[in-house]
Amino acid sequence: MLLSELAEKELIQVKDGARYGKLANTELLFDPATGKIEGFEVSPKTASFFQANKANKKKEFISWKEIILIGKDRILFNETDSFNDDSGYL
């Protein structure tokens, strides 16, 4: 499967059915030494557009290990981890 095909798939957390948008809207994180994909950085989900706080620098990380299924239209995953942009990645 090509990365361009993966990019159009929607990210959905299995636990509560939360949608995190399409993979194309994430930052791909990989290990530069091995070239292996570590996961994806996503913006945290918000209840509405008006609740989005641009001053909040928290991000969420979907580890490659948390991905359960890559389907025709969706990517299902278990959990996300949170981190601050200031402190760097996990």
C-alpha atoms as a PDB file:
ATOM      1  CA  MET A   1       0.000   0.000   0.000  1.00  0.00           C
ATOM      2  CA  LEU A   2       1.305   3.442  -0.897  1.00  0.00           C
ATOM      3  CA  LEU A   3       1.552   6.275   1.627  1.00  0.00           C
ATOM      4  CA  SER A   4      -0.715   8.355  -0.641  1.00  0.00           C
ATOM      5  CA  GLU A   5      -3.409   5.668  -0.232  1.00  0.00           C
ATOM      6  CA  LEU A   6      -3.007   5.701   3.552  1.00  0.00           C
ATOM      7  CA  ALA A   7      -3.232   9.500   3.648  1.00  0.00           C
ATOM      8  CA  GLU A   8      -6.928   9.536   2.734  1.00  0.00           C
ATOM      9  CA  LYS A   9      -7.959   7.115   5.473  1.00  0.00           C
ATOM     10  CA  GLU A  10      -9.794   8.436   8.531  1.00  0.00           C
ATOM     11  CA  LEU A  11      -8.301   7.857  12.008  1.00  0.00           C
ATOM     12  CA  ILE A  12     -10.840   6.483  14.504  1.00  0.00           C
ATOM     13  CA  GLN A  13     -10.221   5.563  18.135  1.00  0.00           C
ATOM     14  CA  VAL A  14     -11.943   2.261  18.926  1.00  0.00           C
ATOM     15  CA  LYS A  15     -12.587   3.014  22.624  1.00  0.00           C
ATOM     16  CA  ASP A  16     -15.086   5.835  22.088  1.00  0.00           C
ATOM     17  CA  GLY A  17     -15.406   6.154  18.317  1.00  0.00           C
ATOM     18  CA  ALA A  18     -13.674   9.556  18.305  1.00  0.00           C
ATOM     19  CA  ARG A  19     -12.563  10.769  14.899  1.00  0.00           C
ATOM     20  CA  TYR A  20      -9.159  12.380  14.532  1.00  0.00           C
ATOM     21  CA  GLY A  21      -9.429  13.383  10.896  1.00  0.00           C
ATOM     22  CA  LYS A  22      -7.495  11.954   8.000  1.00  0.00           C
ATOM     23  CA  LEU A  23      -3.984  10.616   8.187  1.00  0.00           C
ATOM     24  CA  ALA A  24      -2.933  13.330   5.705  1.00  0.00           C
ATOM     25  CA  ASN A  25      -3.574  15.915   8.456  1.00  0.00           C
ATOM     26  CA  THR A  26      -1.042  14.375  10.857  1.00  0.00           C
ATOM     27  CA  GLU A  27       2.694  14.592  11.278  1.00  0.00           C
ATOM     28  CA  LEU A  28       4.493  11.337  10.588  1.00  0.00           C
ATOM     29  CA  LEU A  29       7.112  10.511  13.225  1.00  0.00           C
ATOM     30  CA  PHE A  30       9.822   8.006  12.421  1.00  0.00           C
ATOM     31  CA  ASP A  31      13.121   6.781  13.818  1.00  0.00           C
ATOM     32  CA  PRO A  32      15.838   8.366  11.655  1.00  0.00           C
ATOM     33  CA  ALA A  33      18.289   5.587  12.482  1.00  0.00           C
ATOM     34  CA  THR A  34      16.059   2.738  11.293  1.00  0.00           C
ATOM     35  CA  GLY A  35      13.509   4.495   9.086  1.00  0.00           C
ATOM     36  CA  LYS A  36      10.676   2.731  10.951  1.00  0.00           C
ATOM     37  CA  ILE A  37       7.434   4.608  11.555  1.00  0.00           C
ATOM     38  CA  GLU A  38       7.010   5.373  15.273  1.00  0.00           C
ATOM     39  CA  GLY A  39       3.550   6.905  14.967  1.00  0.00           C
ATOM     40  CA  PHE A  40       1.583  10.032  14.156  1.00  0.00           C
ATOM     41  CA  GLU A  41       1.208  13.393  15.864  1.00  0.00           C
ATOM     42  CA  VAL A  42      -2.390  14.625  15.852  1.00  0.00           C
ATOM     43  CA  SER A  43      -4.171  17.644  17.265  1.00  0.00           C
ATOM     44  CA  PRO A  44      -6.344  16.797  20.253  1.00  0.00           C
ATOM     45  CA  LYS A  45     -10.022  16.362  19.538  1.00  0.00           C
ATOM     46  CA  THR A  46     -12.286  19.191  20.679  1.00  0.00           C
ATOM     47  CA  ALA A  47     -16.014  19.315  21.281  1.00  0.00           C
ATOM     48  CA  SER A  48     -16.457  22.254  18.920  1.00  0.00           C
ATOM     49  CA  PHE A  49     -14.581  24.697  16.752  1.00  0.00           C
ATOM     50  CA  PHE A  50     -15.068  27.460  19.326  1.00  0.00           C
ATOM     51  CA  GLN A  51     -13.423  25.463  22.118  1.00  0.00           C
ATOM     52  CA  ALA A  52     -10.137  25.119  20.275  1.00  0.00           C
ATOM     53  CA  ASN A  53      -7.437  26.921  22.271  1.00  0.00           C
ATOM     54  CA  LYS A  54      -4.488  27.961  20.161  1.00  0.00           C
ATOM     55  CA  ALA A  55      -2.449  28.757  23.287  1.00  0.00           C
ATOM     56  CA  ASN A  56      -2.710  25.118  24.348  1.00  0.00           C
ATOM     57  CA  LYS A  57       0.394  23.377  23.001  1.00  0.00           C
ATOM     58  CA  LYS A  58      -0.635  19.852  23.930  1.00  0.00           C
ATOM     59  CA  LYS A  59      -0.527  17.330  21.137  1.00  0.00           C
ATOM     60  CA  GLU A  60      -1.549  13.717  20.962  1.00  0.00           C
ATOM     61  CA  PHE A  61       0.510  10.857  19.613  1.00  0.00           C
ATOM     62  CA  ILE A  62      -0.813   7.675  18.020  1.00  0.00           C
ATOM     63  CA  SER A  63       1.848   5.003  18.312  1.00  0.00           C
ATOM     64  CA  TRP A  64       2.200   2.621  15.366  1.00  0.00           C
ATOM     65  CA  LYS A  65       1.824  -0.193  17.934  1.00  0.00           C
ATOM     66  CA  GLU A  66      -1.685   1.062  18.831  1.00  0.00           C
ATOM     67  CA  ILE A  67      -3.045   0.573  15.305  1.00  0.00           C
ATOM     68  CA  ILE A  68      -5.441  -2.348  15.222  1.00  0.00           C
ATOM     69  CA  LEU A  69      -6.713  -2.342  11.650  1.00  0.00           C
ATOM     70  CA  ILE A  70      -6.086  -0.549   8.389  1.00  0.00           C
ATOM     71  CA  GLY A  71      -9.292  -0.911   6.427  1.00  0.00           C
ATOM     72  CA  LYS A  72     -10.581   0.310   3.089  1.00  0.00           C
ATOM     73  CA  ASP A  73     -11.567   3.769   4.391  1.00  0.00           C
ATOM     74  CA  ARG A  74     -10.433   3.879   8.028  1.00  0.00           C
ATOM     75  CA  ILE A  75      -7.555   3.246  10.396  1.00  0.00           C
ATOM     76  CA  LEU A  76      -8.661   1.948  13.796  1.00  0.00           C
ATOM     77  CA  PHE A  77      -6.437   2.425  16.844  1.00  0.00           C
ATOM     78  CA  ASN A  78      -6.595   1.915  20.617  1.00  0.00           C
ATOM     79  CA  GLU A  79      -5.161   4.850  22.579  1.00  0.00           C
ATOM     80  CA  THR A  80      -3.315   8.126  22.185  1.00  0.00           C
ATOM     81  CA  ASP A  81      -0.602   9.583  24.387  1.00  0.00           C
ATOM     82  CA  SER A  82      -0.410  13.300  25.200  1.00  0.00           C
ATOM     83  CA  PHE A  83       2.705  15.470  25.307  1.00  0.00           C
ATOM     84  CA  ASN A  84       3.639  19.159  25.228  1.00  0.00           C
ATOM     85  CA  ASP A  85       5.280  20.629  22.147  1.00  0.00           C
ATOM     86  CA  ASP A  86       7.770  22.447  24.397  1.00  0.00           C
ATOM     87  CA  SER A  87       9.215  19.267  25.851  1.00  0.00           C
ATOM     88  CA  GLY A  88       9.554  17.416  22.553  1.00  0.00           C
ATOM     89  CA  TYR A  89       8.194  14.055  21.599  1.00  0.00           C
ATOM     90  CA  LEU A  90       7.471  11.339  24.093  1.00  0.00           C
END
